[in-house]
C-alpha atoms as a PDB file:
ATOM      1  CA  UNK A   1      10.664  -2.799   8.320  1.00  0.00           C
ATOM      2  CA  UNK A   2      13.003  -2.268   5.386  1.00  0.00           C
ATOM      3  CA  UNK A   3      12.613  -1.008   1.835  1.00  0.00           C
ATOM      4  CA  UNK A   4      12.939  -3.641  -0.896  1.00  0.00           C
ATOM      5  CA  UNK A   5      12.865  -3.532  -4.691  1.00  0.00           C
ATOM      6  CA  UNK A   6       9.488  -3.770  -6.414  1.00  0.00           C
ATOM      7  CA  UNK A   7       8.845  -7.036  -8.251  1.00  0.00           C
ATOM      8  CA  UNK A   8       9.571  -6.611 -11.971  1.00  0.00           C
ATOM      9  CA  UNK A   9       6.059  -7.623 -13.079  1.00  0.00           C
ATOM     10  CA  UNK A  10       3.155  -5.498 -11.842  1.00  0.00           C
ATOM     11  CA  UNK A  11       1.086  -8.684 -11.593  1.00  0.00           C
ATOM     12  CA  UNK A  12       3.527  -9.915  -8.933  1.00  0.00           C
ATOM     13  CA  UNK A  13       2.746  -6.915  -6.699  1.00  0.00           C
ATOM     14  CA  UNK A  14      -0.387  -8.636  -5.309  1.00  0.00           C
ATOM     15  CA  UNK A  15       0.235  -9.570  -1.680  1.00  0.00           C
ATOM     16  CA  UNK A  16       3.245  -7.250  -1.323  1.00  0.00           C
ATOM     17  CA  UNK A  17       3.453  -4.603   1.403  1.00  0.00           C
ATOM     18  CA  UNK A  18       3.923  -0.928   0.575  1.00  0.00           C
ATOM     19  CA  UNK A  19       4.351   2.246   2.631  1.00  0.00           C
ATOM     20  CA  UNK A  20       2.848   5.469   1.289  1.00  0.00           C
ATOM     21  CA  UNK A  21       4.999   8.529   0.731  1.00  0.00           C
ATOM     22  CA  UNK A  22       1.901  10.712   0.377  1.00  0.00           C
ATOM     23  CA  UNK A  23      -1.311  11.377   2.294  1.00  0.00           C
ATOM     24  CA  UNK A  24      -4.134   9.178   0.952  1.00  0.00           C
ATOM     25  CA  UNK A  25      -7.879   9.584   1.288  1.00  0.00           C
ATOM     26  CA  UNK A  26     -11.169   8.129   0.190  1.00  0.00           C
ATOM     27  CA  UNK A  27     -14.742   8.953   1.170  1.00  0.00           C
ATOM     28  CA  UNK A  28     -14.323   7.212   4.531  1.00  0.00           C
ATOM     29  CA  UNK A  29     -10.884   8.176   5.818  1.00  0.00           C
ATOM     30  CA  UNK A  30      -7.723  10.218   5.468  1.00  0.00           C
ATOM     31  CA  UNK A  31      -4.518   8.245   5.986  1.00  0.00           C
ATOM     32  CA  UNK A  32      -1.178   9.974   6.624  1.00  0.00           C
ATOM     33  CA  UNK A  33       2.023   9.416   4.681  1.00  0.00           C
ATOM     34  CA  UNK A  34       3.781   6.370   6.126  1.00  0.00           C
ATOM     35  CA  UNK A  35       0.642   4.208   6.254  1.00  0.00           C
ATOM     36  CA  UNK A  36       1.348   0.552   5.448  1.00  0.00           C
ATOM     37  CA  UNK A  37      -0.864  -1.201   2.907  1.00  0.00           C
ATOM     38  CA  UNK A  38      -1.079  -4.694   1.454  1.00  0.00           C
ATOM     39  CA  UNK A  39      -1.558  -4.673  -2.317  1.00  0.00           C
ATOM     40  CA  UNK A  40      -4.840  -6.478  -2.969  1.00  0.00           C
ATOM     41  CA  UNK A  41      -5.025  -6.262  -6.737  1.00  0.00           C
ATOM     42  CA  UNK A  42      -2.916  -4.917  -9.548  1.00  0.00           C
ATOM     43  CA  UNK A  43      -3.214  -3.530 -13.039  1.00  0.00           C
ATOM     44  CA  UNK A  44      -4.073   0.045 -13.965  1.00  0.00           C
ATOM     45  CA  UNK A  45      -6.059   0.328 -10.706  1.00  0.00           C
ATOM     46  CA  UNK A  46      -4.319  -0.941  -7.586  1.00  0.00           C
ATOM     47  CA  UNK A  47      -6.458  -1.758  -4.529  1.00  0.00           C
ATOM     48  CA  UNK A  48      -4.598  -1.134  -1.296  1.00  0.00           C
ATOM     49  CA  UNK A  49      -5.760  -2.605   2.017  1.00  0.00           C
ATOM     50  CA  UNK A  50      -4.655  -0.759   5.150  1.00  0.00           C
ATOM     51  CA  UNK A  51      -3.678  -2.410   8.379  1.00  0.00           C
ATOM     52  CA  UNK A  52      -6.603  -2.301  10.850  1.00  0.00           C
ATOM     53  CA  UNK A  53      -6.607   0.622  13.285  1.00  0.00           C
ATOM     54  CA  UNK A  54      -5.315  -0.407  16.721  1.00  0.00           C
ATOM     55  CA  UNK A  55      -8.056   1.648  18.436  1.00  0.00           C
ATOM     56  CA  UNK A  56     -11.217   0.721  16.523  1.00  0.00           C
ATOM     57  CA  UNK A  57     -10.218  -2.102  14.162  1.00  0.00           C
ATOM     58  CA  UNK A  58     -11.371  -0.311  11.010  1.00  0.00           C
ATOM     59  CA  UNK A  59      -9.397  -1.168   7.881  1.00  0.00           C
ATOM     60  CA  UNK A  60      -9.602   0.979   4.761  1.00  0.00           C
ATOM     61  CA  UNK A  61      -9.431  -0.044   1.100  1.00  0.00           C
ATOM     62  CA  UNK A  62      -8.153   2.629  -1.268  1.00  0.00           C
ATOM     63  CA  UNK A  63      -8.046   2.355  -5.032  1.00  0.00           C
ATOM     64  CA  UNK A  64      -5.084   4.031  -6.700  1.00  0.00           C
ATOM     65  CA  UNK A  65      -5.212   4.479 -10.476  1.00  0.00           C
ATOM     66  CA  UNK A  66      -1.818   5.268 -11.970  1.00  0.00           C
ATOM     67  CA  UNK A  67       1.096   4.129 -14.079  1.00  0.00           C
ATOM     68  CA  UNK A  68       3.881   2.023 -12.600  1.00  0.00           C
ATOM     69  CA  UNK A  69       6.320   4.960 -12.399  1.00  0.00           C
ATOM     70  CA  UNK A  70       3.843   7.057 -10.417  1.00  0.00           C
ATOM     71  CA  UNK A  71       3.098   4.185  -8.013  1.00  0.00           C
ATOM     72  CA  UNK A  72       6.809   3.574  -7.415  1.00  0.00           C
ATOM     73  CA  UNK A  73       7.264   7.307  -6.715  1.00  0.00           C
ATOM     74  CA  UNK A  74       4.397   7.451  -4.200  1.00  0.00           C
ATOM     75  CA  UNK A  75       5.008   4.100  -2.447  1.00  0.00           C
ATOM     76  CA  UNK A  76       7.975   2.149  -1.110  1.00  0.00           C
ATOM     77  CA  UNK A  77       7.817  -1.631  -1.222  1.00  0.00           C
ATOM     78  CA  UNK A  78       8.721  -2.969   2.212  1.00  0.00           C
ATOM     79  CA  UNK A  79       9.543  -6.203   3.993  1.00  0.00           C
ATOM     80  CA  UNK A  80       8.004  -6.469   7.450  1.00  0.00           C
ATOM     81  CA  UNK A  81      10.845  -8.651   8.844  1.00  0.00           C
ATOM     82  CA  UNK A  82       8.716 -10.515  11.371  1.00  0.00           C
ATOM     83  CA  UNK A  83       6.756  -7.454  12.495  1.00  0.00           C
ATOM     84  CA  UNK A  84       3.535  -9.109  11.352  1.00  0.00           C
ATOM     85  CA  UNK A  85       0.539  -7.606   9.701  1.00  0.00           C
END
């Protein structure tokens, strides 16, 4: 896994992989910094889909409402380099 540059257009973020630099939570789960997500939708609100848990198979969707600069501070865009989802 390696860090890559974010696509220039926010609309092109859909389908990209990101790694969180912060702890994330919703009403169902708390995910530690370093969790890998796939960007499901973009715009003001980004929907992030987590990789399923290896123990129970649960995957979490978290919505993240922020400006581009905040998102790029809190997440690193990554390339999985054959590691698979």
